[in-house]
Amino acid sequence: MSDDRPVLVVTNLDDPTTDLVVDELHDRDIPVMRFDSGDFPTTLSFEATITADGIRGALRTPTRTADLSRVRSLYYRRPSGFAFPHLDEQTARFAITQARYGLGGVLASLPGCLYVNHPHRIGDAEFKPSGLAAAVDAGFLVPDTLFTSNPDEARAFIKQRPSVIYKPLSTPLYRIDGVSCTVEVLEVTAEEIDDSVAGTVHLFQERIEKSGDVRVTVIGDKVFCVRIDSDLLDWRTDYDRLTYTVAQPPPGITEALRAYLAQFRLVFGAFDFAIDCHGQWWFLECNPSGQWAWMEPETGLPMVAAMADLLERKMM
């Protein structure tokens, strides 16, 4: 008897990584239902009943219906989020909250479902202080990092170290003259710190004098390490200047990766490391929803197949 349990894929319309994974699952005859939470309630609907027997119900798009009691796995990527533009601000805020805790709560409670990753665990892991603390506990080398709104503390931290960089704690949508922008990772000096630092929390981190970077993508029980060489402080600012080499992790890294993911109960993670001049790997961050598929053509690593294996539940 064939296993017709569906894979749910939650993401926005423009997600090339998901496109590749969905195509792979289709080639394996695995049923897939892809949707965006932003489609609710216009083209996405559901009903769910919770009794002593568990959750029963269905999720529906114009072309698919999924039995909520029989979902094989859920791939939570980058949904656009709930929106009710036809409502006034206060009513829309109420509707968004109901949708988040209603539909979002149901999707987070599916029986026997493998989450890649569970949306609540993603939320936990996206807090940079939590991620760095977990990295220390897992045994990674972690650069000294300061979180503060105190200008004097920021100046003192910078003066005590050879080089310090500033990073945003998160990257919400930011527009200047209608153009989407991002806050860059930049080196900062004590003289540049002024009283505006007191306006919110900032992240300052000791800069690692690096010989290269490494992106480590963990997909279930598979670990893919790719060294990234460039002359950039932040390699994500210009992909055209990057070269890629398949790398092997030094002793202890694989065990630390597993320990880190276990702390947040994740089965996928996109880790970034800086390699110093002595070859040591320094943990920078782990993105529980990070991009990874662009590295497969550059390296030949079978990452799409690994993700499809995980969602098919061929591996854990």
Protein backbone atom coordinates (compact mmCIF):
# COMPACT_ATOMS: atom_id res chain seq x y z
CA MET A 1 0.00 0.00 0.00
CA SER A 2 1.43 3.38 -0.98
CA ASP A 3 2.02 6.08 1.62
CA ASP A 4 -0.18 8.98 0.50
CA ARG A 5 0.43 11.21 3.52
CA PRO A 6 1.14 14.72 2.27
CA VAL A 7 4.05 17.06 2.90
CA LEU A 8 2.89 20.57 3.77
CA VAL A 9 5.14 23.41 2.57
CA VAL A 10 4.53 26.82 4.13
CA THR A 11 6.24 29.67 2.27
CA ASN A 12 5.71 32.67 0.04
CA LEU A 13 5.27 32.53 -3.70
CA ASP A 14 8.82 33.66 -4.52
CA ASP A 15 11.01 30.98 -2.90
CA PRO A 16 13.41 29.26 -5.36
CA THR A 17 14.79 26.92 -2.69
CA THR A 18 11.32 25.57 -2.02
CA ASP A 19 10.68 25.21 -5.76
CA LEU A 20 13.59 22.78 -6.04
CA VAL A 21 12.48 20.72 -3.06
CA VAL A 22 8.87 20.55 -4.25
CA ASP A 23 10.01 19.41 -7.71
CA GLU A 24 12.12 16.67 -6.11
CA LEU A 25 9.20 15.47 -4.01
CA HIS A 26 6.92 15.47 -7.06
CA ASP A 27 9.49 13.36 -8.93
CA ARG A 28 9.26 10.86 -6.05
CA ASP A 29 5.43 10.84 -6.22
CA ILE A 30 5.20 12.30 -2.72
CA PRO A 31 2.00 14.35 -2.35
CA VAL A 32 2.76 17.99 -1.59
CA MET A 33 0.52 20.87 -0.59
CA ARG A 34 2.20 24.26 -0.80
CA PHE A 35 0.58 27.41 0.59
CA ASP A 36 1.31 30.77 2.14
CA SER A 37 -0.32 31.81 5.40
CA GLY A 38 -0.88 35.17 3.70
CA ASP A 39 -3.43 33.39 1.47
CA PHE A 40 -5.78 33.04 4.45
CA PRO A 41 -8.71 33.53 4.28
CA THR A 42 -8.93 34.47 0.58
CA THR A 43 -7.77 31.19 -1.01
CA LEU A 44 -6.81 29.17 2.07
CA SER A 45 -9.34 27.72 4.48
CA PHE A 46 -9.42 25.11 7.21
CA GLU A 47 -11.41 23.51 9.97
CA ALA A 48 -10.01 21.58 12.91
CA THR A 49 -11.75 19.75 15.74
CA ILE A 50 -9.89 18.70 18.87
CA THR A 51 -11.39 15.85 20.90
CA ALA A 52 -10.11 13.05 23.09
CA ASP A 53 -9.13 11.31 19.85
CA GLY A 54 -6.85 14.17 18.77
CA ILE A 55 -7.01 16.69 15.93
CA ARG A 56 -9.30 16.06 12.99
CA GLY A 57 -9.90 18.43 10.12
CA ALA A 58 -8.80 19.63 6.72
CA LEU A 59 -6.74 22.38 5.11
CA ARG A 60 -7.85 23.55 1.69
CA THR A 61 -6.46 25.54 -1.24
CA PRO A 62 -8.19 25.93 -4.62
CA THR A 63 -6.40 22.80 -5.89
CA ARG A 64 -5.52 20.71 -2.82
CA THR A 65 -7.04 19.35 0.37
CA ALA A 66 -4.98 17.91 3.20
CA ASP A 67 -6.23 15.73 6.05
CA LEU A 68 -4.72 17.37 9.15
CA SER A 69 -4.56 14.03 10.97
CA ARG A 70 -2.35 12.46 8.29
CA VAL A 71 0.33 15.04 7.52
CA ARG A 72 3.71 13.39 6.96
CA SER A 73 5.89 16.47 7.50
CA LEU A 74 5.70 20.26 7.43
CA TYR A 75 8.42 22.37 5.82
CA TYR A 76 8.15 25.82 7.37
CA ARG A 77 10.10 28.27 5.26
CA ARG A 78 9.26 31.92 4.71
CA PRO A 79 5.52 32.63 4.71
CA SER A 80 4.46 36.22 4.12
CA GLY A 81 2.26 36.31 7.21
CA PHE A 82 -1.37 37.11 7.77
CA ALA A 83 -2.80 40.33 6.33
CA PHE A 84 -6.26 41.86 6.19
CA PRO A 85 -5.81 45.02 4.08
CA HIS A 86 -9.55 45.49 3.57
CA LEU A 87 -10.09 46.04 7.32
CA ASP A 88 -9.40 49.12 9.40
CA GLU A 89 -6.22 49.00 11.48
CA GLN A 90 -7.77 47.94 14.77
CA THR A 91 -10.02 45.28 13.26
CA ALA A 92 -7.15 43.96 11.11
CA ARG A 93 -4.96 43.67 14.20
CA PHE A 94 -7.67 41.61 15.89
CA ALA A 95 -8.13 39.39 12.82
CA ILE A 96 -4.39 38.81 12.45
CA THR A 97 -4.12 37.77 16.08
CA GLN A 98 -7.01 35.32 15.75
CA ALA A 99 -5.51 33.83 12.59
CA ARG A 100 -2.07 33.51 14.15
CA TYR A 101 -3.26 31.75 17.26
CA GLY A 102 -5.97 29.79 15.46
CA LEU A 103 -4.59 28.53 12.14
CA GLY A 104 -1.01 28.99 13.34
CA GLY A 105 -1.76 27.04 16.48
CA VAL A 106 -3.34 24.18 14.55
CA LEU A 107 -0.41 23.94 12.13
CA ALA A 108 1.94 23.79 15.12
CA SER A 109 0.04 20.87 16.68
CA LEU A 110 -0.29 18.26 13.94
CA PRO A 111 -0.14 14.68 15.29
CA GLY A 112 2.83 12.58 14.20
CA CYS A 113 4.14 15.35 11.95
CA LEU A 114 7.87 15.97 11.41
CA TYR A 115 8.53 19.72 11.48
CA VAL A 116 11.39 21.20 9.44
CA ASN A 117 11.48 23.24 11.56
CA HIS A 118 8.69 23.70 14.08
CA PRO A 119 7.63 27.38 13.86
CA HIS A 120 7.83 27.84 17.64
CA ARG A 121 11.37 26.43 17.71
CA ILE A 122 12.32 28.72 14.83
CA GLY A 123 11.08 31.68 16.84
CA ASP A 124 13.16 30.63 19.85
CA ALA A 125 16.33 30.13 17.80
CA GLU A 126 16.08 33.50 16.02
CA PHE A 127 16.96 35.41 19.20
CA LYS A 128 20.68 36.14 18.81
CA PRO A 129 21.46 36.19 22.56
CA SER A 130 19.85 32.75 22.91
CA GLY A 131 21.75 31.45 19.88
CA LEU A 132 25.12 32.65 21.15
CA ALA A 133 24.48 31.28 24.65
CA ALA A 134 23.48 27.93 23.14
CA ALA A 135 26.62 27.97 20.99
CA VAL A 136 28.80 28.41 24.08
CA ASP A 137 26.97 25.54 25.79
CA ALA A 138 27.42 23.35 22.70
CA GLY A 139 31.19 23.89 22.78
CA PHE A 140 31.74 26.29 19.89
CA LEU A 141 34.25 29.13 19.97
CA VAL A 142 32.17 32.32 20.15
CA PRO A 143 33.49 35.89 19.72
CA ASP A 144 32.99 38.24 22.68
CA THR A 145 29.64 39.94 22.14
CA LEU A 146 27.93 42.89 23.82
CA PHE A 147 24.22 43.67 23.78
CA THR A 148 23.55 47.13 25.13
CA SER A 149 21.78 50.47 24.90
CA ASN A 150 24.50 52.15 27.00
CA PRO A 151 26.90 54.29 24.91
CA ASP A 152 29.61 54.19 27.60
CA GLU A 153 29.52 50.39 27.77
CA ALA A 154 29.73 50.22 23.97
CA ARG A 155 32.78 52.51 23.87
CA ALA A 156 34.52 50.58 26.63
CA PHE A 157 33.85 47.24 24.90
CA ILE A 158 35.27 48.54 21.61
CA LYS A 159 38.37 50.09 23.21
CA GLN A 160 39.25 46.81 24.94
CA ARG A 161 39.46 44.84 21.66
CA PRO A 162 41.56 45.15 18.49
CA SER A 163 38.52 45.33 16.22
CA VAL A 164 34.75 45.30 16.75
CA ILE A 165 31.82 45.03 14.34
CA TYR A 166 28.21 46.12 14.60
CA LYS A 167 25.41 43.74 13.59
CA PRO A 168 21.63 44.11 13.55
CA LEU A 169 19.83 41.73 15.92
CA SER A 170 17.17 41.14 13.29
CA THR A 171 16.46 42.33 9.77
CA PRO A 172 12.89 43.62 9.42
CA LEU A 173 11.77 45.27 6.19
CA TYR A 174 13.44 48.69 5.94
CA ARG A 175 12.82 51.14 3.12
CA ILE A 176 14.57 54.37 2.12
CA ASP A 177 12.82 56.38 -0.59
CA GLY A 178 10.76 53.30 -1.37
CA VAL A 179 13.82 51.07 -1.89
CA SER A 180 14.21 47.95 0.27
CA CYS A 181 17.45 48.15 2.27
CA THR A 182 19.33 46.16 4.88
CA VAL A 183 21.49 47.21 7.81
CA GLU A 184 25.06 46.24 6.99
CA VAL A 185 27.56 44.46 9.19
CA LEU A 186 30.29 47.07 9.65
CA GLU A 187 33.44 47.67 11.67
CA VAL A 188 32.85 50.35 14.29
CA THR A 189 35.17 52.54 16.38
CA ALA A 190 34.62 54.02 19.83
CA GLU A 191 34.61 57.52 18.33
CA GLU A 192 31.58 56.66 16.21
CA ILE A 193 29.44 55.81 19.24
CA ASP A 194 27.12 58.65 20.23
CA ASP A 195 24.11 59.05 22.48
CA SER A 196 21.75 57.69 19.83
CA VAL A 197 22.88 54.22 20.94
CA ALA A 198 20.63 54.74 23.97
CA GLY A 199 17.57 54.60 21.70
CA THR A 200 17.42 50.81 21.45
CA VAL A 201 19.46 47.61 21.85
CA HIS A 202 22.59 47.13 19.73
CA LEU A 203 24.91 44.19 19.10
CA PHE A 204 28.67 44.72 19.14
CA GLN A 205 30.99 41.77 18.51
CA GLU A 206 34.72 41.23 18.48
CA ARG A 207 35.86 40.91 14.89
CA ILE A 208 37.63 37.67 14.00
CA GLU A 209 40.59 38.16 11.68
CA LYS A 210 39.49 35.52 9.27
CA SER A 211 41.07 33.57 6.44
CA GLY A 212 37.67 32.47 5.17
CA ASP A 213 34.07 31.67 6.05
CA VAL A 214 32.15 28.42 6.27
CA ARG A 215 28.45 27.80 5.75
CA VAL A 216 27.41 24.52 7.37
CA THR A 217 23.97 23.23 6.44
CA VAL A 218 22.58 20.47 8.63
CA ILE A 219 19.63 18.61 7.09
CA GLY A 220 18.49 15.80 9.37
CA ASP A 221 21.49 13.50 9.82
CA LYS A 222 23.42 15.04 6.91
CA VAL A 223 26.07 17.74 7.39
CA PHE A 224 27.23 19.81 4.40
CA CYS A 225 30.23 22.12 4.92
CA VAL A 226 31.15 24.70 2.29
CA ARG A 227 34.09 27.06 2.63
CA ILE A 228 33.40 30.52 1.20
CA ASP A 229 36.36 32.68 0.18
CA SER A 230 36.14 36.40 -0.53
CA ASP A 231 37.63 39.72 0.56
CA LEU A 232 34.36 40.80 2.18
CA LEU A 233 33.59 41.43 5.83
CA ASP A 234 30.12 39.99 5.20
CA TRP A 235 30.10 37.59 2.25
CA ARG A 236 26.32 37.92 1.85
CA THR A 237 26.72 41.43 0.42
CA ASP A 238 28.10 40.32 -2.97
CA TYR A 239 27.64 36.73 -4.14
CA ASP A 240 29.51 37.41 -7.38
CA ARG A 241 32.79 37.74 -5.46
CA LEU A 242 32.56 34.36 -3.73
CA THR A 243 34.31 31.07 -4.40
CA TYR A 244 33.16 27.80 -2.89
CA THR A 245 35.03 24.69 -1.74
CA VAL A 246 33.63 21.59 -0.05
CA ALA A 247 35.18 21.43 3.42
CA GLN A 248 35.56 18.89 6.21
CA PRO A 249 34.71 19.99 9.75
CA PRO A 250 37.54 19.91 12.30
CA PRO A 251 37.25 17.59 15.33
CA GLY A 252 34.39 18.41 17.65
CA ILE A 253 32.38 20.56 15.25
CA THR A 254 29.88 17.88 14.20
CA GLU A 255 29.16 16.98 17.81
CA ALA A 256 28.69 20.66 18.68
CA LEU A 257 26.31 21.10 15.73
CA ARG A 258 24.16 18.25 17.04
CA ALA A 259 24.22 19.64 20.56
CA TYR A 260 23.20 23.09 19.37
CA LEU A 261 20.27 21.82 17.29
CA ALA A 262 19.15 19.57 20.16
CA GLN A 263 18.94 22.57 22.49
CA PHE A 264 16.37 24.20 20.21
CA ARG A 265 14.83 20.91 19.00
CA LEU A 266 15.66 21.69 15.38
CA VAL A 267 16.30 19.21 12.55
CA PHE A 268 17.65 21.83 10.12
CA GLY A 269 20.09 24.68 10.59
CA ALA A 270 22.23 26.97 8.40
CA PHE A 271 25.35 27.76 10.45
CA ASP A 272 27.88 30.49 9.70
CA PHE A 273 31.48 30.29 10.93
CA ALA A 274 34.56 32.46 10.50
CA ILE A 275 37.89 30.64 10.11
CA ASP A 276 40.80 32.43 11.76
CA CYS A 277 44.44 32.35 10.66
CA HIS A 278 45.04 29.28 12.86
CA GLY A 279 42.26 27.32 11.16
CA GLN A 280 39.89 27.53 14.12
CA TRP A 281 36.16 27.81 13.43
CA TRP A 282 34.31 30.61 15.24
CA PHE A 283 30.53 30.42 15.54
CA LEU A 284 28.72 33.49 14.20
CA GLU A 285 25.10 32.42 13.97
CA CYS A 286 22.63 29.71 13.02
CA ASN A 287 19.62 30.55 10.87
CA PRO A 288 16.81 28.01 11.44
CA SER A 289 15.21 29.06 8.13
CA GLY A 290 18.35 29.87 6.16
CA GLN A 291 18.96 29.64 2.42
CA TRP A 292 21.12 26.79 1.14
CA ALA A 293 20.10 25.54 -2.31
CA TRP A 294 22.29 28.03 -4.25
CA MET A 295 25.37 26.12 -3.05
CA GLU A 296 24.40 22.81 -4.67
CA PRO A 297 25.26 23.86 -8.28
CA GLU A 298 28.51 25.41 -6.99
CA THR A 299 29.66 22.28 -5.13
CA GLY A 300 27.72 19.27 -6.39
CA LEU A 301 26.57 18.47 -2.85
CA PRO A 302 23.22 16.57 -2.90
CA MET A 303 21.40 18.99 -0.62
CA VAL A 304 18.02 19.06 -2.37
CA ALA A 305 17.86 15.27 -2.25
CA ALA A 306 18.78 15.34 1.43
CA MET A 307 15.95 17.75 2.21
CA ALA A 308 13.51 15.64 0.21
CA ASP A 309 14.72 12.55 2.10
CA LEU A 310 14.05 14.31 5.39
CA LEU A 311 10.58 15.48 4.39
CA GLU A 312 9.78 12.05 2.98
CA ARG A 313 11.00 10.76 6.36
CA LYS A 314 13.68 8.51 4.94
CA MET A 315 16.05 9.89 7.58
CA MET A 316 15.89 11.81 10.84
